[in-house]
Amino acid sequence: MLCAAKPNRPLKTTLPVCLLFAALAWGGAVTATAATIQHLKLVERIDPQFPPGLEIFGITKGGVRCVIDVDAGGRVEDVLILAYTHERFARAVREVMPLWRFEPARVDGRPVSAQTTIEFTIEAVGVVTTLDLTTYVSQRFETMWGATFVYHEWKLSDLDAIPVPVTTVAPIYPVELAERNVRGKVKVDFYIDEEGRVRLPIVSASEYPELASAAIFAVRQWKFAPPLRQGRPVLAFASQEFDFNAKP
């Protein structure tokens, strides 16, 4: 059963970037206590431009929130728009995000993929951007400034019904991990887009990176009926917990 999603939160003028370490991208087994983690570093960015013509309608500022998947080479592999005040601001962000470059996150010196949440305030006089690359600890997003979003993600309790799974794959519990008594619970956060696809699954915290990798690999293969709110497809945020406690 899907766990209830975290509540949607409104944008703020300071724009934190939250690094979400993705264990899924690395194939080796590294114990949590021994791993040395180097976080993402922003190398190059191009700010989105204020969409021309919006001033005519009295629009001088807008907000966009997105989450990006940065691969082991430091390139932006996927961009998911989570919220925007006007579709043209979202379009401006989509255009520039593939041009951003990062020094990849590393585990014991080995590059891995990672996710980063970015919040933009785009004004007619420029873009206000404050970057804060920190480790994901408890909440997926910080409180944001109180703008009116015409588009945003929804928690499961706001939907017409819990999305129906079409395809699910159980995580594979490697025998060698069970024999080493590597057991525990792993919570995976993920989005279900308007087509029912799972987007950007991430483990917020786990003592066992090997188990986190197995859980994320499975969730990436899931498929749902499109989430609906008032009969219309929407973007939804969900969580699923896995209990790795099988006997070897």
C-alpha atoms as a PDB file:
ATOM      1  CA  MET A   1       0.000   0.000   0.000  1.00  0.00           C
ATOM      2  CA  LEU A   2       1.227   3.517  -0.776  1.00  0.00           C
ATOM      3  CA  CYS A   3       1.995   5.740   2.177  1.00  0.00           C
ATOM      4  CA  ALA A   4       0.394   9.187   2.405  1.00  0.00           C
ATOM      5  CA  ALA A   5       2.376  11.840   0.576  1.00  0.00           C
ATOM      6  CA  LYS A   6       3.937  14.841   2.230  1.00  0.00           C
ATOM      7  CA  PRO A   7       1.867  18.024   2.053  1.00  0.00           C
ATOM      8  CA  ASN A   8       2.370  20.507  -0.725  1.00  0.00           C
ATOM      9  CA  ARG A   9       4.068  23.660   0.510  1.00  0.00           C
ATOM     10  CA  PRO A  10       4.029  27.232  -0.759  1.00  0.00           C
ATOM     11  CA  LEU A  11       7.686  29.298  -2.595  1.00  0.00           C
ATOM     12  CA  LYS A  12       9.931  31.679  -0.725  1.00  0.00           C
ATOM     13  CA  THR A  13      12.299  34.389  -1.885  1.00  0.00           C
ATOM     14  CA  THR A  14      15.438  32.565  -0.810  1.00  0.00           C
ATOM     15  CA  LEU A  15      15.994  29.590  -3.062  1.00  0.00           C
ATOM     16  CA  PRO A  16      17.570  26.624  -1.289  1.00  0.00           C
ATOM     17  CA  VAL A  17      18.866  23.690  -3.270  1.00  0.00           C
ATOM     18  CA  CYS A  18      18.600  20.394  -1.426  1.00  0.00           C
ATOM     19  CA  LEU A  19      20.909  17.547  -2.420  1.00  0.00           C
ATOM     20  CA  LEU A  20      19.256  14.158  -2.343  1.00  0.00           C
ATOM     21  CA  PHE A  21      21.868  11.389  -2.432  1.00  0.00           C
ATOM     22  CA  ALA A  22      20.765   8.608  -4.776  1.00  0.00           C
ATOM     23  CA  ALA A  23      22.260   5.270  -3.844  1.00  0.00           C
ATOM     24  CA  LEU A  24      20.693   3.669  -6.895  1.00  0.00           C
ATOM     25  CA  ALA A  25      23.346   4.858  -9.328  1.00  0.00           C
ATOM     26  CA  TRP A  26      26.253   2.999  -7.886  1.00  0.00           C
ATOM     27  CA  GLY A  27      26.584  -0.702  -8.208  1.00  0.00           C
ATOM     28  CA  GLY A  28      29.137  -1.526  -5.521  1.00  0.00           C
ATOM     29  CA  ALA A  29      28.341  -2.485  -1.951  1.00  0.00           C
ATOM     30  CA  VAL A  30      29.456   0.216   0.477  1.00  0.00           C
ATOM     31  CA  THR A  31      28.602   0.115   4.165  1.00  0.00           C
ATOM     32  CA  ALA A  32      26.992   3.244   5.558  1.00  0.00           C
ATOM     33  CA  THR A  33      29.598   3.683   8.272  1.00  0.00           C
ATOM     34  CA  ALA A  34      32.562   3.360   5.895  1.00  0.00           C
ATOM     35  CA  ALA A  35      31.293   5.464   2.973  1.00  0.00           C
ATOM     36  CA  THR A  36      32.803   8.905   2.361  1.00  0.00           C
ATOM     37  CA  ILE A  37      30.265  11.116   0.572  1.00  0.00           C
ATOM     38  CA  GLN A  38      31.160  14.165  -1.499  1.00  0.00           C
ATOM     39  CA  HIS A  39      28.134  16.257  -2.400  1.00  0.00           C
ATOM     40  CA  LEU A  40      27.210  17.841  -5.704  1.00  0.00           C
ATOM     41  CA  LYS A  41      28.948  21.082  -6.636  1.00  0.00           C
ATOM     42  CA  LEU A  42      27.475  23.517  -9.122  1.00  0.00           C
ATOM     43  CA  VAL A  43      30.005  24.319 -11.848  1.00  0.00           C
ATOM     44  CA  GLU A  44      28.016  26.241 -14.447  1.00  0.00           C
ATOM     45  CA  ARG A  45      24.493  27.626 -14.611  1.00  0.00           C
ATOM     46  CA  ILE A  46      22.413  29.730 -16.956  1.00  0.00           C
ATOM     47  CA  ASP A  47      19.551  31.625 -15.327  1.00  0.00           C
ATOM     48  CA  PRO A  48      16.077  31.440 -16.891  1.00  0.00           C
ATOM     49  CA  GLN A  49      14.920  34.605 -18.614  1.00  0.00           C
ATOM     50  CA  PHE A  50      11.774  36.517 -17.702  1.00  0.00           C
ATOM     51  CA  PRO A  51       9.199  35.642 -20.406  1.00  0.00           C
ATOM     52  CA  PRO A  52       8.669  38.682 -22.640  1.00  0.00           C
ATOM     53  CA  GLY A  53       5.194  40.155 -22.788  1.00  0.00           C
ATOM     54  CA  LEU A  54       3.952  39.096 -19.358  1.00  0.00           C
ATOM     55  CA  GLU A  55       4.335  42.632 -18.014  1.00  0.00           C
ATOM     56  CA  ILE A  56       1.433  43.649 -20.249  1.00  0.00           C
ATOM     57  CA  PHE A  57      -0.809  41.493 -18.064  1.00  0.00           C
ATOM     58  CA  GLY A  58       0.595  42.951 -14.869  1.00  0.00           C
ATOM     59  CA  ILE A  59       2.835  39.951 -14.157  1.00  0.00           C
ATOM     60  CA  THR A  60       6.269  41.073 -12.947  1.00  0.00           C
ATOM     61  CA  LYS A  61       7.346  38.058 -10.868  1.00  0.00           C
ATOM     62  CA  GLY A  62       6.858  34.310 -10.914  1.00  0.00           C
ATOM     63  CA  GLY A  63       8.017  31.172  -9.172  1.00  0.00           C
ATOM     64  CA  VAL A  64       9.053  27.702 -10.321  1.00  0.00           C
ATOM     65  CA  ARG A  65      10.007  24.652  -8.282  1.00  0.00           C
ATOM     66  CA  CYS A  66      11.666  21.666  -9.920  1.00  0.00           C
ATOM     67  CA  VAL A  67      13.701  18.606  -9.079  1.00  0.00           C
ATOM     68  CA  ILE A  68      16.539  17.473 -11.329  1.00  0.00           C
ATOM     69  CA  ASP A  69      18.408  14.202 -11.668  1.00  0.00           C
ATOM     70  CA  VAL A  70      22.152  14.749 -12.126  1.00  0.00           C
ATOM     71  CA  ASP A  71      24.018  11.771 -13.549  1.00  0.00           C
ATOM     72  CA  ALA A  72      27.455  10.477 -12.576  1.00  0.00           C
ATOM     73  CA  GLY A  73      29.005  12.732 -15.218  1.00  0.00           C
ATOM     74  CA  GLY A  74      27.524  15.902 -13.708  1.00  0.00           C
ATOM     75  CA  ARG A  75      24.944  16.376 -16.471  1.00  0.00           C
ATOM     76  CA  VAL A  76      21.246  17.049 -15.882  1.00  0.00           C
ATOM     77  CA  GLU A  77      19.557  13.844 -16.969  1.00  0.00           C
ATOM     78  CA  ASP A  78      15.937  14.585 -16.013  1.00  0.00           C
ATOM     79  CA  VAL A  79      13.925  17.664 -15.046  1.00  0.00           C
ATOM     80  CA  LEU A  80      10.561  17.408 -13.308  1.00  0.00           C
ATOM     81  CA  ILE A  81       8.602  20.628 -12.801  1.00  0.00           C
ATOM     82  CA  LEU A  82       6.823  20.434  -9.453  1.00  0.00           C
ATOM     83  CA  ALA A  83       5.095  23.807  -9.323  1.00  0.00           C
ATOM     84  CA  TYR A  84       4.802  27.096 -11.188  1.00  0.00           C
ATOM     85  CA  THR A  85       2.849  30.329 -11.050  1.00  0.00           C
ATOM     86  CA  HIS A  86       2.617  30.589 -14.846  1.00  0.00           C
ATOM     87  CA  GLU A  87       3.381  27.984 -17.505  1.00  0.00           C
ATOM     88  CA  ARG A  88       5.769  30.326 -19.325  1.00  0.00           C
ATOM     89  CA  PHE A  89       8.027  30.504 -16.251  1.00  0.00           C
ATOM     90  CA  ALA A  90       8.144  26.700 -16.219  1.00  0.00           C
ATOM     91  CA  ARG A  91       9.048  26.698 -19.906  1.00  0.00           C
ATOM     92  CA  ALA A  92      11.895  29.153 -19.246  1.00  0.00           C
ATOM     93  CA  VAL A  93      13.307  26.856 -16.560  1.00  0.00           C
ATOM     94  CA  ARG A  94      13.009  23.741 -18.748  1.00  0.00           C
ATOM     95  CA  GLU A  95      14.982  25.479 -21.491  1.00  0.00           C
ATOM     96  CA  VAL A  96      18.031  26.244 -19.349  1.00  0.00           C
ATOM     97  CA  MET A  97      18.270  23.318 -16.910  1.00  0.00           C
ATOM     98  CA  PRO A  98      19.858  20.896 -19.437  1.00  0.00           C
ATOM     99  CA  LEU A  99      22.681  23.468 -19.779  1.00  0.00           C
ATOM    100  CA  TRP A 100      23.597  23.377 -16.083  1.00  0.00           C
ATOM    101  CA  ARG A 101      26.738  21.439 -15.161  1.00  0.00           C
ATOM    102  CA  PHE A 102      27.791  19.951 -11.822  1.00  0.00           C
ATOM    103  CA  GLU A 103      30.751  18.233 -10.311  1.00  0.00           C
ATOM    104  CA  PRO A 104      29.069  14.897  -9.529  1.00  0.00           C
ATOM    105  CA  ALA A 105      28.427  13.533  -6.072  1.00  0.00           C
ATOM    106  CA  ARG A 106      30.863  10.808  -5.037  1.00  0.00           C
ATOM    107  CA  VAL A 107      30.852   7.845  -2.704  1.00  0.00           C
ATOM    108  CA  ASP A 108      34.356   6.794  -1.644  1.00  0.00           C
ATOM    109  CA  GLY A 109      35.659   8.712  -4.650  1.00  0.00           C
ATOM    110  CA  ARG A 110      33.318   7.020  -7.106  1.00  0.00           C
ATOM    111  CA  PRO A 111      30.906   9.332  -9.025  1.00  0.00           C
ATOM    112  CA  VAL A 112      27.217   8.618  -8.522  1.00  0.00           C
ATOM    113  CA  SER A 113      23.940  10.211  -9.590  1.00  0.00           C
ATOM    114  CA  ALA A 114      22.080  12.546  -7.249  1.00  0.00           C
ATOM    115  CA  GLN A 115      18.945  14.653  -7.147  1.00  0.00           C
ATOM    116  CA  THR A 116      18.624  18.327  -6.328  1.00  0.00           C
ATOM    117  CA  THR A 117      15.525  20.399  -5.671  1.00  0.00           C
ATOM    118  CA  ILE A 118      15.725  23.949  -7.026  1.00  0.00           C
ATOM    119  CA  GLU A 119      13.380  26.868  -6.428  1.00  0.00           C
ATOM    120  CA  PHE A 120      13.444  29.955  -8.669  1.00  0.00           C
ATOM    121  CA  THR A 121      12.019  33.431  -8.292  1.00  0.00           C
ATOM    122  CA  ILE A 122      12.011  35.017 -11.739  1.00  0.00           C
ATOM    123  CA  GLU A 123      11.414  38.761 -11.865  1.00  0.00           C
ATOM    124  CA  ALA A 124      11.290  41.280 -14.697  1.00  0.00           C
ATOM    125  CA  VAL A 125      14.502  42.782 -13.313  1.00  0.00           C
ATOM    126  CA  GLY A 126      16.326  39.464 -13.035  1.00  0.00           C
ATOM    127  CA  VAL A 127      16.445  36.099 -11.297  1.00  0.00           C
ATOM    128  CA  VAL A 128      16.825  35.834  -7.533  1.00  0.00           C
ATOM    129  CA  THR A 129      18.800  32.675  -6.812  1.00  0.00           C
ATOM    130  CA  THR A 130      20.378  31.428  -3.608  1.00  0.00           C
ATOM    131  CA  LEU A 131      21.969  27.986  -3.787  1.00  0.00           C
ATOM    132  CA  ASP A 132      22.409  25.868  -0.683  1.00  0.00           C
ATOM    133  CA  LEU A 133      23.832  22.441  -1.526  1.00  0.00           C
ATOM    134  CA  THR A 134      23.194  20.379   1.593  1.00  0.00           C
ATOM    135  CA  THR A 135      22.380  16.790   2.393  1.00  0.00           C
ATOM    136  CA  TYR A 136      18.746  15.759   2.403  1.00  0.00           C
ATOM    137  CA  VAL A 137      17.844  15.098   6.027  1.00  0.00           C
ATOM    138  CA  SER A 138      14.142  15.178   6.860  1.00  0.00           C
ATOM    139  CA  GLN A 139      11.860  17.256   4.663  1.00  0.00           C
ATOM    140  CA  ARG A 140      11.807  17.144   0.888  1.00  0.00           C
ATOM    141  CA  PHE A 141      11.148  20.870   0.588  1.00  0.00           C
ATOM    142  CA  GLU A 142      11.607  23.969   2.669  1.00  0.00           C
ATOM    143  CA  THR A 143       8.753  26.428   3.182  1.00  0.00           C
ATOM    144  CA  MET A 144       8.369  28.596   0.096  1.00  0.00           C
ATOM    145  CA  TRP A 145       7.026  32.084  -0.370  1.00  0.00           C
ATOM    146  CA  GLY A 146       3.288  32.438  -0.592  1.00  0.00           C
ATOM    147  CA  ALA A 147       2.680  32.652  -4.331  1.00  0.00           C
ATOM    148  CA  THR A 148      -0.367  31.275  -6.121  1.00  0.00           C
ATOM    149  CA  PHE A 149       0.558  28.176  -8.066  1.00  0.00           C
ATOM    150  CA  VAL A 150      -1.568  27.334 -11.068  1.00  0.00           C
ATOM    151  CA  TYR A 151       0.242  23.998 -11.182  1.00  0.00           C
ATOM    152  CA  HIS A 152       1.766  21.956  -8.361  1.00  0.00           C
ATOM    153  CA  GLU A 153       2.153  18.410  -7.078  1.00  0.00           C
ATOM    154  CA  TRP A 154      -0.567  16.898  -4.884  1.00  0.00           C
ATOM    155  CA  LYS A 155      -0.443  14.627  -1.869  1.00  0.00           C
ATOM    156  CA  LEU A 156      -2.327  11.319  -2.120  1.00  0.00           C
ATOM    157  CA  SER A 157      -5.062  12.405   0.271  1.00  0.00           C
ATOM    158  CA  ASP A 158      -6.023  15.223  -2.143  1.00  0.00           C
ATOM    159  CA  LEU A 159      -6.668  12.846  -5.052  1.00  0.00           C
ATOM    160  CA  ASP A 160      -9.995  11.365  -6.112  1.00  0.00           C
ATOM    161  CA  ALA A 161      -8.570   7.955  -5.181  1.00  0.00           C
ATOM    162  CA  ILE A 162      -5.212   6.296  -4.493  1.00  0.00           C
ATOM    163  CA  PRO A 163      -3.603   5.615  -7.915  1.00  0.00           C
ATOM    164  CA  VAL A 164      -4.117   2.018  -8.980  1.00  0.00           C
ATOM    165  CA  PRO A 165      -0.870   0.088  -9.574  1.00  0.00           C
ATOM    166  CA  VAL A 166      -0.646  -1.305 -13.100  1.00  0.00           C
ATOM    167  CA  THR A 167       2.835  -2.807 -12.788  1.00  0.00           C
ATOM    168  CA  THR A 168       4.800  -3.447  -9.598  1.00  0.00           C
ATOM    169  CA  VAL A 169       8.130  -5.176  -9.089  1.00  0.00           C
ATOM    170  CA  ALA A 170       9.292  -6.400  -5.685  1.00  0.00           C
ATOM    171  CA  PRO A 171      12.854  -5.482  -4.669  1.00  0.00           C
ATOM    172  CA  ILE A 172      15.360  -8.315  -4.913  1.00  0.00           C
ATOM    173  CA  TYR A 173      16.882  -9.067  -1.520  1.00  0.00           C
ATOM    174  CA  PRO A 174      20.401 -10.266  -2.409  1.00  0.00           C
ATOM    175  CA  VAL A 175      21.312 -13.518  -0.665  1.00  0.00           C
ATOM    176  CA  GLU A 176      24.752 -12.194   0.254  1.00  0.00           C
ATOM    177  CA  LEU A 177      23.163  -9.285   2.142  1.00  0.00           C
ATOM    178  CA  ALA A 178      20.841 -11.591   4.044  1.00  0.00           C
ATOM    179  CA  GLU A 179      23.777 -13.812   4.930  1.00  0.00           C
ATOM    180  CA  ARG A 180      25.606 -10.761   6.267  1.00  0.00           C
ATOM    181  CA  ASN A 181      22.472  -9.920   8.283  1.00  0.00           C
ATOM    182  CA  VAL A 182      22.040  -6.641   6.399  1.00  0.00           C
ATOM    183  CA  ARG A 183      18.388  -5.963   7.180  1.00  0.00           C
ATOM    184  CA  GLY A 184      16.134  -3.018   7.756  1.00  0.00           C
ATOM    185  CA  LYS A 185      13.408  -0.763   6.383  1.00  0.00           C
ATOM    186  CA  VAL A 186      13.825   1.523   3.397  1.00  0.00           C
ATOM    187  CA  LYS A 187      11.419   4.347   2.545  1.00  0.00           C
ATOM    188  CA  VAL A 188      11.346   5.474  -1.080  1.00  0.00           C
ATOM    189  CA  ASP A 189       9.847   8.855  -2.023  1.00  0.00           C
ATOM    190  CA  PHE A 190       8.754   9.291  -5.633  1.00  0.00           C
ATOM    191  CA  TYR A 191       6.425  11.150  -7.970  1.00  0.00           C
ATOM    192  CA  ILE A 192       3.682   9.737 -10.169  1.00  0.00           C
ATOM    193  CA  ASP A 193       3.235  11.934 -13.224  1.00  0.00           C
ATOM    194  CA  GLU A 194       0.101  12.593 -15.228  1.00  0.00           C
ATOM    195  CA  GLU A 195       0.705   9.481 -17.327  1.00  0.00           C
ATOM    196  CA  GLY A 196       1.161   7.209 -14.308  1.00  0.00           C
ATOM    197  CA  ARG A 197       4.944   6.936 -14.658  1.00  0.00           C
ATOM    198  CA  VAL A 198       7.202   6.863 -11.603  1.00  0.00           C
ATOM    199  CA  ARG A 199       9.591   9.819 -11.651  1.00  0.00           C
ATOM    200  CA  LEU A 200      12.753  10.479  -9.672  1.00  0.00           C
ATOM    201  CA  PRO A 201      12.516   7.933  -6.834  1.00  0.00           C
ATOM    202  CA  ILE A 202      14.838   8.690  -3.934  1.00  0.00           C
ATOM    203  CA  VAL A 203      15.669   7.296  -0.523  1.00  0.00           C
ATOM    204  CA  SER A 204      15.692  10.164   1.965  1.00  0.00           C
ATOM    205  CA  ALA A 205      17.720   8.275   4.551  1.00  0.00           C
ATOM    206  CA  SER A 206      18.965   4.716   4.926  1.00  0.00           C
ATOM    207  CA  GLU A 207      21.591   3.000   7.029  1.00  0.00           C
ATOM    208  CA  TYR A 208      22.024   0.409   4.282  1.00  0.00           C
ATOM    209  CA  PRO A 209      22.881   1.800   0.815  1.00  0.00           C
ATOM    210  CA  GLU A 210      22.727  -1.714  -0.672  1.00  0.00           C
ATOM    211  CA  LEU A 211      19.076  -2.078   0.368  1.00  0.00           C
ATOM    212  CA  ALA A 212      18.277   1.454  -0.820  1.00  0.00           C
ATOM    213  CA  SER A 213      19.679   0.601  -4.233  1.00  0.00           C
ATOM    214  CA  ALA A 214      17.501  -2.524  -4.486  1.00  0.00           C
ATOM    215  CA  ALA A 215      14.364  -0.619  -3.444  1.00  0.00           C
ATOM    216  CA  ILE A 216      14.883   2.223  -5.917  1.00  0.00           C
ATOM    217  CA  PHE A 217      15.683  -0.145  -8.777  1.00  0.00           C
ATOM    218  CA  ALA A 218      12.336  -1.876  -8.178  1.00  0.00           C
ATOM    219  CA  VAL A 219      10.256   1.307  -7.838  1.00  0.00           C
ATOM    220  CA  ARG A 220      11.650   2.698 -11.087  1.00  0.00           C
ATOM    221  CA  GLN A 221       9.836  -0.140 -12.876  1.00  0.00           C
ATOM    222  CA  TRP A 222       6.430   0.578 -11.327  1.00  0.00           C
ATOM    223  CA  LYS A 223       3.542   1.956 -13.339  1.00  0.00           C
ATOM    224  CA  PHE A 224       0.226   3.392 -12.151  1.00  0.00           C
ATOM    225  CA  ALA A 225      -3.063   4.548 -13.557  1.00  0.00           C
ATOM    226  CA  PRO A 226      -2.807   8.362 -13.877  1.00  0.00           C
ATOM    227  CA  PRO A 227      -3.454  10.172 -10.564  1.00  0.00           C
ATOM    228  CA  LEU A 228      -6.730  12.089 -10.761  1.00  0.00           C
ATOM    229  CA  ARG A 229      -8.033  15.141  -8.953  1.00  0.00           C
ATOM    230  CA  GLN A 230     -11.557  16.209  -9.826  1.00  0.00           C
ATOM    231  CA  GLY A 231     -11.318  13.857 -12.789  1.00  0.00           C
ATOM    232  CA  ARG A 232      -8.183  15.436 -14.258  1.00  0.00           C
ATOM    233  CA  PRO A 233      -4.660  13.882 -14.357  1.00  0.00           C
ATOM    234  CA  VAL A 234      -2.230  15.546 -11.934  1.00  0.00           C
ATOM    235  CA  LEU A 235       1.291  15.104 -10.554  1.00  0.00           C
ATOM    236  CA  ALA A 236       1.288  13.257  -7.227  1.00  0.00           C
ATOM    237  CA  PHE A 237       3.903  12.676  -4.540  1.00  0.00           C
ATOM    238  CA  ALA A 238       3.974   9.303  -2.792  1.00  0.00           C
ATOM    239  CA  SER A 239       6.090   7.105  -0.550  1.00  0.00           C
ATOM    240  CA  GLN A 240       6.559   3.371  -0.185  1.00  0.00           C
ATOM    241  CA  GLU A 241       8.322   1.528   2.613  1.00  0.00           C
ATOM    242  CA  PHE A 242      10.041  -1.826   2.147  1.00  0.00           C
ATOM    243  CA  ASP A 243      11.004  -4.193   4.940  1.00  0.00           C
ATOM    244  CA  PHE A 244      14.111  -6.244   4.141  1.00  0.00           C
ATOM    245  CA  ASN A 245      13.909  -8.869   6.822  1.00  0.00           C
ATOM    246  CA  ALA A 246      13.905 -12.207   5.041  1.00  0.00           C
ATOM    247  CA  LYS A 247      15.929 -15.126   6.317  1.00  0.00           C
ATOM    248  CA  PRO A 248      19.002 -16.086   4.234  1.00  0.00           C
END
